[in-house]
């Protein structure tokens, strides 16, 4: 048998094995000697070889487009439908990979802010996103600092309560994406598409349900987090004005209270408020139905809701599963989570150091806990969906050539790395929450 015939036979055998395993690791092991012996030599342009050898060369070249943003320029065999499905999968995986890095950067910044407020050095608080390791380093150091501060101020009896935040899918972005994907939402199916939640948004008319104002905005409603200003009932915390109720467990009828005030505070309130908070709220502020809602209205609007969002999963009926997965991933950047309602109260002897710790936690803990209880979980679910879809797309990629297989495998690897990174970030967030609440696991 001649050299060329033997080379062609070896190439075809390797391709059959490649189609069996459909993974670049196997491809590279099989392809490398063939490319050298049969003329590919692993150099640029080797993927232009005809037939099976070209497929092997394309696979061996990898998929830099996943990192450099060149997915849109990729061309695959198999027709428009095959190419569209593969590109959609790649774009979804790349989008989630970037969001994972961004989430880690935000978590590092939030932990660093808390550490800075507690007197830590810049060197202790500096790190770059790196598969969760940056957040693990900074948040771990801050967790230890918080834990030491809580123990040092044990007489202050600091308690922390955290309510999981609501997270929302951007309905407008999802509708556009599903339409572009060829699986539009059917008219009249909007309400039925929000599974496990409710639709809310801007209401320019009468809000018939509940109006929620974002954290930090002016509040004249119920604050189930930390209220700064004035609280008419259900208050517990420090009060810079008159305390009506109990002060350090003793009756107080409108007198000044240097310790913990429970009941009502008419000025400079800093604590939880189950009644009406007038000032600012560290979590969402809920106002009863009113003619005017400056925040987000849920439960009904006398006009069409603008910028609608779904607090559950936006899953319209009769939508192609592949489109659902792609659009959930692609619009994950538009999805938002409220800051969790965090209530921090000092019930004992509160000195200057304890006040400093409580103030620092009230400022930074909501953003840190949001990763643990909200955005981290939402992102993890989106990445998991992409990972599951990778099984189907790998089979499709076999029809589209070696480059398609290499890119799909790179996307699957990226999804696996993102999953691991998100898990580390969630644990880093939980470590700080746990230290603040005196729980090693971060439970509250």
Protein backbone atom coordinates (compact mmCIF):
# COMPACT_ATOMS: atom_id res chain seq x y z
CA UNK A 1 0.00 0.00 0.00
CA UNK A 2 1.39 3.42 -0.98
CA UNK A 3 2.18 6.22 1.45
CA UNK A 4 -0.73 8.41 0.26
CA UNK A 5 -3.22 5.53 0.48
CA UNK A 6 -2.04 4.59 3.94
CA UNK A 7 -2.23 8.25 5.03
CA UNK A 8 -5.82 8.55 3.71
CA UNK A 9 -6.82 5.29 5.41
CA UNK A 10 -5.30 6.41 8.73
CA UNK A 11 -7.10 9.76 8.46
CA UNK A 12 -10.45 8.07 7.87
CA UNK A 13 -9.95 5.71 10.80
CA UNK A 14 -9.12 8.62 13.06
CA UNK A 15 -12.19 10.56 11.95
CA UNK A 16 -14.38 7.57 12.78
CA UNK A 17 -12.91 7.52 16.27
CA UNK A 18 -13.36 11.28 16.51
CA UNK A 19 -17.04 10.94 15.64
CA UNK A 20 -17.34 8.32 18.35
CA UNK A 21 -15.82 10.44 21.09
CA UNK A 22 -16.52 13.94 19.67
CA UNK A 23 -14.06 15.58 22.05
CA UNK A 24 -10.97 17.66 21.21
CA UNK A 25 -8.73 15.79 23.67
CA UNK A 26 -9.15 12.64 21.62
CA UNK A 27 -8.95 14.67 18.44
CA UNK A 28 -5.65 16.26 19.30
CA UNK A 29 -4.11 12.95 20.27
CA UNK A 30 -5.17 11.35 17.01
CA UNK A 31 -4.77 14.33 14.74
CA UNK A 32 -1.32 15.61 15.65
CA UNK A 33 0.81 12.81 14.13
CA UNK A 34 -1.40 12.70 11.04
CA UNK A 35 -1.10 16.41 10.45
CA UNK A 36 2.65 16.20 10.67
CA UNK A 37 3.00 13.08 8.55
CA UNK A 38 0.33 14.01 5.99
CA UNK A 39 1.31 17.57 5.38
CA UNK A 40 -0.70 19.52 7.97
CA UNK A 41 2.24 20.21 10.27
CA UNK A 42 -0.06 22.05 12.71
CA UNK A 43 0.42 25.38 10.94
CA UNK A 44 -2.13 28.05 10.00
CA UNK A 45 -4.07 26.94 6.93
CA UNK A 46 -3.93 23.27 7.81
CA UNK A 47 -7.70 23.32 8.21
CA UNK A 48 -7.98 23.96 4.47
CA UNK A 49 -6.95 20.36 3.78
CA UNK A 50 -9.69 18.45 1.96
CA UNK A 51 -11.88 15.74 3.48
CA UNK A 52 -11.21 14.00 6.81
CA UNK A 53 -7.73 15.45 7.22
CA UNK A 54 -9.19 18.93 6.95
CA UNK A 55 -11.77 18.10 9.63
CA UNK A 56 -9.03 16.87 11.93
CA UNK A 57 -6.92 19.94 11.30
CA UNK A 58 -9.89 22.24 11.98
CA UNK A 59 -10.59 20.46 15.25
CA UNK A 60 -6.95 20.59 16.28
CA UNK A 61 -6.86 24.35 15.70
CA UNK A 62 -9.20 24.93 18.65
CA UNK A 63 -11.70 27.76 18.95
CA UNK A 64 -10.10 31.10 19.81
CA UNK A 65 -13.33 32.76 18.65
CA UNK A 66 -14.90 31.81 22.00
CA UNK A 67 -12.47 34.19 23.68
CA UNK A 68 -11.93 36.94 21.11
CA UNK A 69 -15.58 37.61 20.25
CA UNK A 70 -15.38 36.20 16.73
CA UNK A 71 -18.28 33.75 17.00
CA UNK A 72 -20.45 35.70 14.55
CA UNK A 73 -17.78 35.28 11.83
CA UNK A 74 -17.62 31.50 12.11
CA UNK A 75 -18.89 29.40 9.22
CA UNK A 76 -20.00 25.79 9.61
CA UNK A 77 -21.17 23.05 7.28
CA UNK A 78 -24.65 21.58 7.46
CA UNK A 79 -26.84 24.48 6.40
CA UNK A 80 -28.35 27.54 8.04
CA UNK A 81 -30.31 25.64 10.70
CA UNK A 82 -27.27 23.70 11.92
CA UNK A 83 -25.06 26.79 11.87
CA UNK A 84 -27.68 28.84 13.70
CA UNK A 85 -28.10 26.27 16.46
CA UNK A 86 -24.35 25.93 17.01
CA UNK A 87 -23.71 29.68 16.99
CA UNK A 88 -26.60 30.27 19.37
CA UNK A 89 -25.11 27.76 21.78
CA UNK A 90 -21.63 29.27 21.52
CA UNK A 91 -22.93 32.81 22.06
CA UNK A 92 -24.92 31.70 25.11
CA UNK A 93 -21.89 29.99 26.66
CA UNK A 94 -19.60 32.96 25.93
CA UNK A 95 -22.12 35.41 27.38
CA UNK A 96 -22.43 33.46 30.63
CA UNK A 97 -18.66 33.11 30.89
CA UNK A 98 -18.30 36.92 30.78
CA UNK A 99 -21.10 37.39 33.31
CA UNK A 100 -19.39 34.98 35.68
CA UNK A 101 -16.20 37.05 35.53
CA UNK A 102 -18.19 40.26 36.06
CA UNK A 103 -19.99 38.78 39.06
CA UNK A 104 -16.69 37.84 40.67
CA UNK A 105 -15.31 41.34 40.06
CA UNK A 106 -18.38 42.88 41.74
CA UNK A 107 -18.11 40.50 44.69
CA UNK A 108 -14.42 41.31 45.13
CA UNK A 109 -15.29 45.03 45.14
CA UNK A 110 -18.10 44.57 47.69
CA UNK A 111 -15.96 42.48 50.03
CA UNK A 112 -13.11 44.97 49.64
CA UNK A 113 -15.44 47.85 50.54
CA UNK A 114 -16.46 46.08 53.75
CA UNK A 115 -12.84 45.27 54.56
CA UNK A 116 -11.75 48.85 53.95
CA UNK A 117 -14.46 50.14 56.28
CA UNK A 118 -13.14 47.76 58.94
CA UNK A 119 -9.57 49.04 58.59
CA UNK A 120 -7.98 46.37 56.40
CA UNK A 121 -5.06 47.24 54.12
CA UNK A 122 -5.22 47.55 50.33
CA UNK A 123 -2.82 44.63 49.95
CA UNK A 124 -5.21 42.32 51.81
CA UNK A 125 -8.11 43.41 49.62
CA UNK A 126 -6.57 43.28 46.16
CA UNK A 127 -7.27 40.46 43.71
CA UNK A 128 -8.42 39.94 40.12
CA UNK A 129 -11.22 37.61 39.01
CA UNK A 130 -9.76 34.16 38.50
CA UNK A 131 -12.30 31.37 38.46
CA UNK A 132 -13.57 32.41 41.88
CA UNK A 133 -10.12 32.40 43.47
CA UNK A 134 -9.96 36.21 43.61
CA UNK A 135 -13.23 36.44 45.51
CA UNK A 136 -12.20 33.52 47.69
CA UNK A 137 -9.02 35.35 48.70
CA UNK A 138 -10.55 38.78 49.41
CA UNK A 139 -13.85 37.65 50.90
CA UNK A 140 -12.08 35.00 52.96
CA UNK A 141 -9.82 37.64 54.51
CA UNK A 142 -12.79 39.93 55.15
CA UNK A 143 -14.77 37.04 56.65
CA UNK A 144 -11.98 36.45 59.15
CA UNK A 145 -11.90 40.17 59.98
CA UNK A 146 -15.68 40.29 60.50
CA UNK A 147 -15.59 37.15 62.63
CA UNK A 148 -12.89 38.65 64.86
CA UNK A 149 -14.83 41.94 65.14
CA UNK A 150 -18.05 40.14 66.10
CA UNK A 151 -16.23 38.17 68.81
CA UNK A 152 -14.48 41.31 70.08
CA UNK A 153 -17.87 43.00 70.42
CA UNK A 154 -19.74 40.04 71.89
CA UNK A 155 -21.39 42.27 74.52
CA UNK A 156 -23.09 44.21 71.74
CA UNK A 157 -25.06 41.04 70.88
CA UNK A 158 -25.17 41.74 67.15
CA UNK A 159 -27.76 39.77 65.22
CA UNK A 160 -28.10 39.52 61.45
CA UNK A 161 -31.15 38.40 59.50
CA UNK A 162 -31.14 38.10 55.72
CA UNK A 163 -34.16 37.50 53.49
CA UNK A 164 -33.42 36.02 50.04
CA UNK A 165 -33.87 38.65 47.31
CA UNK A 166 -36.26 38.52 44.39
CA UNK A 167 -34.64 38.06 41.00
CA UNK A 168 -36.26 39.06 37.73
CA UNK A 169 -36.07 38.03 34.09
CA UNK A 170 -36.24 40.89 31.58
CA UNK A 171 -39.38 40.06 29.60
CA UNK A 172 -38.74 42.56 26.79
CA UNK A 173 -35.25 41.16 26.16
CA UNK A 174 -36.57 37.59 26.28
CA UNK A 175 -39.38 38.35 23.83
CA UNK A 176 -37.00 39.91 21.32
CA UNK A 177 -34.52 37.05 21.64
CA UNK A 178 -37.18 34.36 21.24
CA UNK A 179 -38.55 36.17 18.17
CA UNK A 180 -35.08 36.36 16.62
CA UNK A 181 -34.60 32.68 17.42
CA UNK A 182 -37.73 31.78 15.47
CA UNK A 183 -39.92 30.92 18.47
CA UNK A 184 -41.90 34.07 19.34
CA UNK A 185 -44.17 34.38 22.37
CA UNK A 186 -47.80 33.94 21.39
CA UNK A 187 -50.08 36.97 21.94
CA UNK A 188 -51.93 36.92 25.25
CA UNK A 189 -49.53 34.43 26.84
CA UNK A 190 -47.47 36.92 28.85
CA UNK A 191 -49.00 36.27 32.29
CA UNK A 192 -48.95 32.50 31.77
CA UNK A 193 -45.28 32.67 30.84
CA UNK A 194 -44.07 33.82 34.28
CA UNK A 195 -43.69 30.57 36.21
CA UNK A 196 -43.35 30.72 39.99
CA UNK A 197 -43.55 34.51 40.19
CA UNK A 198 -45.40 37.62 39.12
CA UNK A 199 -45.00 40.31 36.49
CA UNK A 200 -44.08 43.81 37.55
CA UNK A 201 -42.74 46.96 35.92
CA UNK A 202 -43.31 50.66 35.43
CA UNK A 203 -46.89 51.86 35.78
CA UNK A 204 -47.65 55.33 34.42
CA UNK A 205 -51.26 55.10 35.60
CA UNK A 206 -52.80 53.71 38.81
CA UNK A 207 -50.90 50.90 40.50
CA UNK A 208 -53.59 48.60 41.88
CA UNK A 209 -51.26 46.24 43.66
CA UNK A 210 -47.95 46.87 45.37
CA UNK A 211 -45.33 49.51 44.61
CA UNK A 212 -41.72 48.67 45.44
CA UNK A 213 -38.97 51.28 45.52
CA UNK A 214 -35.37 50.18 44.99
CA UNK A 215 -32.93 49.94 47.87
CA UNK A 216 -31.40 53.26 48.87
CA UNK A 217 -34.15 55.36 47.32
CA UNK A 218 -36.42 57.65 49.34
CA UNK A 219 -38.87 55.47 51.25
CA UNK A 220 -42.28 56.21 52.74
CA UNK A 221 -43.47 52.63 53.11
CA UNK A 222 -42.72 49.28 54.72
CA UNK A 223 -39.03 48.48 55.02
CA UNK A 224 -38.22 44.91 55.94
CA UNK A 225 -34.51 45.64 55.93
CA UNK A 226 -32.64 48.49 57.66
CA UNK A 227 -34.46 51.80 57.85
CA UNK A 228 -32.51 55.03 58.17
CA UNK A 229 -34.63 58.01 59.22
CA UNK A 230 -37.95 57.55 60.99
CA UNK A 231 -40.06 54.49 61.80
CA UNK A 232 -43.60 54.56 63.19
CA UNK A 233 -43.94 50.96 64.38
CA UNK A 234 -42.04 47.69 64.66
CA UNK A 235 -38.66 49.40 64.97
CA UNK A 236 -35.58 47.79 66.52
CA UNK A 237 -32.18 49.40 66.45
CA UNK A 238 -30.40 52.59 67.41
CA UNK A 239 -32.43 55.80 67.66
CA UNK A 240 -30.94 59.29 67.52
CA UNK A 241 -34.27 60.89 68.39
CA UNK A 242 -37.05 59.92 70.76
CA UNK A 243 -37.76 56.27 71.47
CA UNK A 244 -41.33 55.27 72.20
CA UNK A 245 -41.58 51.68 73.38
CA UNK A 246 -38.65 50.04 75.11
CA UNK A 247 -35.03 51.08 75.54
CA UNK A 248 -32.72 48.20 76.38
CA UNK A 249 -35.79 46.24 77.50
CA UNK A 250 -37.18 48.95 79.76
CA UNK A 251 -40.25 51.07 79.08
CA UNK A 252 -39.54 54.29 77.23
CA UNK A 253 -42.17 56.91 76.47
CA UNK A 254 -40.61 59.35 74.07
CA UNK A 255 -37.26 59.61 75.86
CA UNK A 256 -33.77 59.53 74.39
CA UNK A 257 -32.27 56.04 74.19
CA UNK A 258 -28.53 55.41 74.12
CA UNK A 259 -28.99 51.66 73.63
CA UNK A 260 -31.44 49.56 71.62
CA UNK A 261 -34.82 51.11 70.91
CA UNK A 262 -37.81 48.87 70.24
CA UNK A 263 -41.11 50.28 69.06
CA UNK A 264 -41.05 53.72 67.46
CA UNK A 265 -38.24 56.16 66.65
CA UNK A 266 -38.94 59.66 65.41
CA UNK A 267 -35.48 60.61 64.08
CA UNK A 268 -32.09 59.20 63.06
CA UNK A 269 -33.38 55.64 63.20
CA UNK A 270 -30.95 52.93 62.18
CA UNK A 271 -32.50 49.47 62.30
CA UNK A 272 -35.29 47.21 61.11
CA UNK A 273 -38.77 48.64 60.61
CA UNK A 274 -41.92 46.60 59.96
CA UNK A 275 -44.07 49.72 59.81
CA UNK A 276 -43.67 52.86 57.74
CA UNK A 277 -40.10 53.98 57.21
CA UNK A 278 -39.56 57.59 56.26
CA UNK A 279 -36.02 58.00 54.98
CA UNK A 280 -34.08 55.33 53.13
CA UNK A 281 -34.32 51.55 53.18
CA UNK A 282 -31.38 49.19 52.62
CA UNK A 283 -33.75 46.75 50.93
CA UNK A 284 -36.86 47.26 48.82
CA UNK A 285 -39.45 49.67 50.22
CA UNK A 286 -43.06 48.60 49.68
CA UNK A 287 -45.82 51.17 49.36
CA UNK A 288 -49.51 50.33 49.31
CA UNK A 289 -51.45 50.71 46.09
CA UNK A 290 -51.52 54.34 45.05
CA UNK A 291 -52.34 56.53 42.10
CA UNK A 292 -48.65 57.13 41.49
CA UNK A 293 -45.87 54.57 41.72
CA UNK A 294 -42.33 55.82 41.22
CA UNK A 295 -40.90 52.33 41.58
CA UNK A 296 -41.97 48.92 40.30
CA UNK A 297 -45.68 48.04 40.30
CA UNK A 298 -46.94 44.48 40.72
CA UNK A 299 -50.45 43.12 41.12
CA UNK A 300 -52.06 45.22 38.42
CA UNK A 301 -51.81 48.54 36.63
CA UNK A 302 -54.70 50.44 35.05
CA UNK A 303 -52.55 50.83 31.93
CA UNK A 304 -50.06 48.58 30.16
CA UNK A 305 -47.01 47.71 32.28
CA UNK A 306 -43.80 49.09 30.78
CA UNK A 307 -40.42 47.38 31.00
CA UNK A 308 -42.07 44.20 32.35
CA UNK A 309 -40.07 41.71 34.37
CA UNK A 310 -40.85 38.29 35.79
CA UNK A 311 -39.89 37.37 39.36
CA UNK A 312 -40.01 33.65 38.48
CA UNK A 313 -38.85 31.83 35.36
CA UNK A 314 -39.99 33.29 32.05
CA UNK A 315 -41.00 30.15 30.15
CA UNK A 316 -43.63 30.84 27.49
CA UNK A 317 -45.69 27.83 26.39
CA UNK A 318 -44.95 26.27 23.00
CA UNK A 319 -41.44 27.73 22.79
CA UNK A 320 -38.62 25.69 21.26
CA UNK A 321 -36.46 24.32 24.13
CA UNK A 322 -33.24 25.22 22.31
CA UNK A 323 -34.43 28.83 21.88
CA UNK A 324 -35.51 28.93 25.54
CA UNK A 325 -32.05 27.86 26.67
CA UNK A 326 -30.21 30.25 24.39
CA UNK A 327 -32.36 33.24 25.30
CA UNK A 328 -32.27 32.54 29.04
CA UNK A 329 -28.47 32.57 28.78
CA UNK A 330 -28.19 35.53 26.41
CA UNK A 331 -30.49 37.73 28.51
CA UNK A 332 -28.95 36.74 31.84
CA UNK A 333 -27.06 40.05 31.79
CA UNK A 334 -30.38 41.94 31.72
CA UNK A 335 -31.78 39.89 34.63
CA UNK A 336 -31.67 41.72 37.94
CA UNK A 337 -31.87 40.77 41.59
CA UNK A 338 -33.05 43.08 44.35
CA UNK A 339 -30.67 43.67 47.22
CA UNK A 340 -31.68 41.17 49.94
CA UNK A 341 -33.42 42.57 53.00
CA UNK A 342 -30.70 42.62 55.64
CA UNK A 343 -31.56 43.47 59.25
CA UNK A 344 -28.65 44.10 61.59
CA UNK A 345 -29.35 44.94 65.22
CA UNK A 346 -27.12 45.37 68.27
CA UNK A 347 -29.05 44.41 71.42
CA UNK A 348 -26.43 44.90 74.11
CA UNK A 349 -23.65 47.30 74.96
CA UNK A 350 -22.88 49.17 71.78
CA UNK A 351 -19.53 50.98 71.86
CA UNK A 352 -17.88 52.91 69.03
CA UNK A 353 -16.28 49.78 67.56
CA UNK A 354 -19.59 47.92 67.50
CA UNK A 355 -21.31 50.88 65.86
CA UNK A 356 -18.57 50.95 63.21
CA UNK A 357 -19.02 47.22 62.53
CA UNK A 358 -22.81 47.48 62.26
CA UNK A 359 -22.59 50.51 59.95
CA UNK A 360 -20.08 48.74 57.70
CA UNK A 361 -22.21 45.59 57.50
CA UNK A 362 -25.35 47.57 56.69
CA UNK A 363 -23.54 49.24 53.82
CA UNK A 364 -21.86 46.25 52.17
CA UNK A 365 -23.52 43.03 53.32
CA UNK A 366 -26.61 43.33 51.06
CA UNK A 367 -24.45 43.34 47.90
CA UNK A 368 -22.33 40.47 49.20
CA UNK A 369 -25.29 38.33 50.27
CA UNK A 370 -26.99 38.94 46.92
CA UNK A 371 -24.44 36.66 45.24
CA UNK A 372 -25.03 33.90 47.77
CA UNK A 373 -28.83 34.04 47.75
CA UNK A 374 -29.76 35.63 44.43
CA UNK A 375 -27.58 36.42 41.42
CA UNK A 376 -25.20 33.51 41.98
CA UNK A 377 -28.03 31.00 42.00
CA UNK A 378 -29.70 32.53 38.95
CA UNK A 379 -26.46 32.50 36.99
CA UNK A 380 -25.71 28.93 38.07
CA UNK A 381 -29.12 27.81 36.78
CA UNK A 382 -28.52 29.50 33.42
CA UNK A 383 -25.08 27.90 33.06
CA UNK A 384 -26.53 24.51 33.99
CA UNK A 385 -29.09 24.88 31.19
CA UNK A 386 -26.33 25.59 28.68
CA UNK A 387 -24.33 22.63 29.92
CA UNK A 388 -27.27 20.26 29.43
CA UNK A 389 -27.91 21.67 25.96
CA UNK A 390 -24.29 20.91 25.07
CA UNK A 391 -25.10 17.19 24.84
CA UNK A 392 -27.59 17.83 22.03
CA UNK A 393 -25.42 20.41 20.28
CA UNK A 394 -22.43 18.06 20.21
CA UNK A 395 -24.46 15.68 18.07
CA UNK A 396 -25.42 18.55 15.75
CA UNK A 397 -21.76 19.61 15.52
CA UNK A 398 -20.81 16.27 13.98
CA UNK A 399 -22.61 17.39 10.84
CA UNK A 400 -20.77 20.71 10.73
CA UNK A 401 -17.09 19.74 10.63
CA UNK A 402 -14.10 19.67 12.94
CA UNK A 403 -14.18 23.39 13.76
CA UNK A 404 -17.74 23.08 15.02
CA UNK A 405 -16.81 20.18 17.29
CA UNK A 406 -13.81 22.09 18.64
CA UNK A 407 -15.94 25.19 19.35
CA UNK A 408 -18.77 23.25 20.98
CA UNK A 409 -16.27 21.41 23.15
CA UNK A 410 -14.67 24.74 24.11
CA UNK A 411 -18.12 26.08 25.04
CA UNK A 412 -18.86 23.00 27.15
CA UNK A 413 -15.51 23.42 28.90
CA UNK A 414 -16.25 27.12 29.48
CA UNK A 415 -19.63 26.22 31.00
CA UNK A 416 -18.00 23.68 33.31
CA UNK A 417 -15.42 26.27 34.39
CA UNK A 418 -18.15 28.87 34.93
CA UNK A 419 -20.10 26.43 37.10
CA UNK A 420 -17.05 25.81 39.27
CA UNK A 421 -16.32 29.53 39.50
CA UNK A 422 -19.90 30.40 40.49
CA UNK A 423 -19.80 27.77 43.22
CA UNK A 424 -16.61 29.28 44.66
CA UNK A 425 -18.13 32.79 44.51
CA UNK A 426 -21.29 31.67 46.31
CA UNK A 427 -19.22 30.05 49.05
CA UNK A 428 -17.05 33.19 49.34
CA UNK A 429 -20.18 35.31 49.75
CA UNK A 430 -21.65 32.89 52.28
CA UNK A 431 -18.46 32.98 54.35
CA UNK A 432 -18.88 36.72 54.97
CA UNK A 433 -22.60 36.41 55.73
CA UNK A 434 -21.83 33.52 58.06
CA UNK A 435 -19.17 35.46 59.93
CA UNK A 436 -21.51 38.40 60.42
CA UNK A 437 -24.32 36.20 61.72
CA UNK A 438 -22.11 33.93 63.79
CA UNK A 439 -22.81 30.95 61.51
CA UNK A 440 -19.93 29.12 59.87
CA UNK A 441 -22.13 28.18 56.93
CA UNK A 442 -23.56 31.60 56.38
CA UNK A 443 -27.09 30.56 57.31
CA UNK A 444 -29.34 33.14 58.91
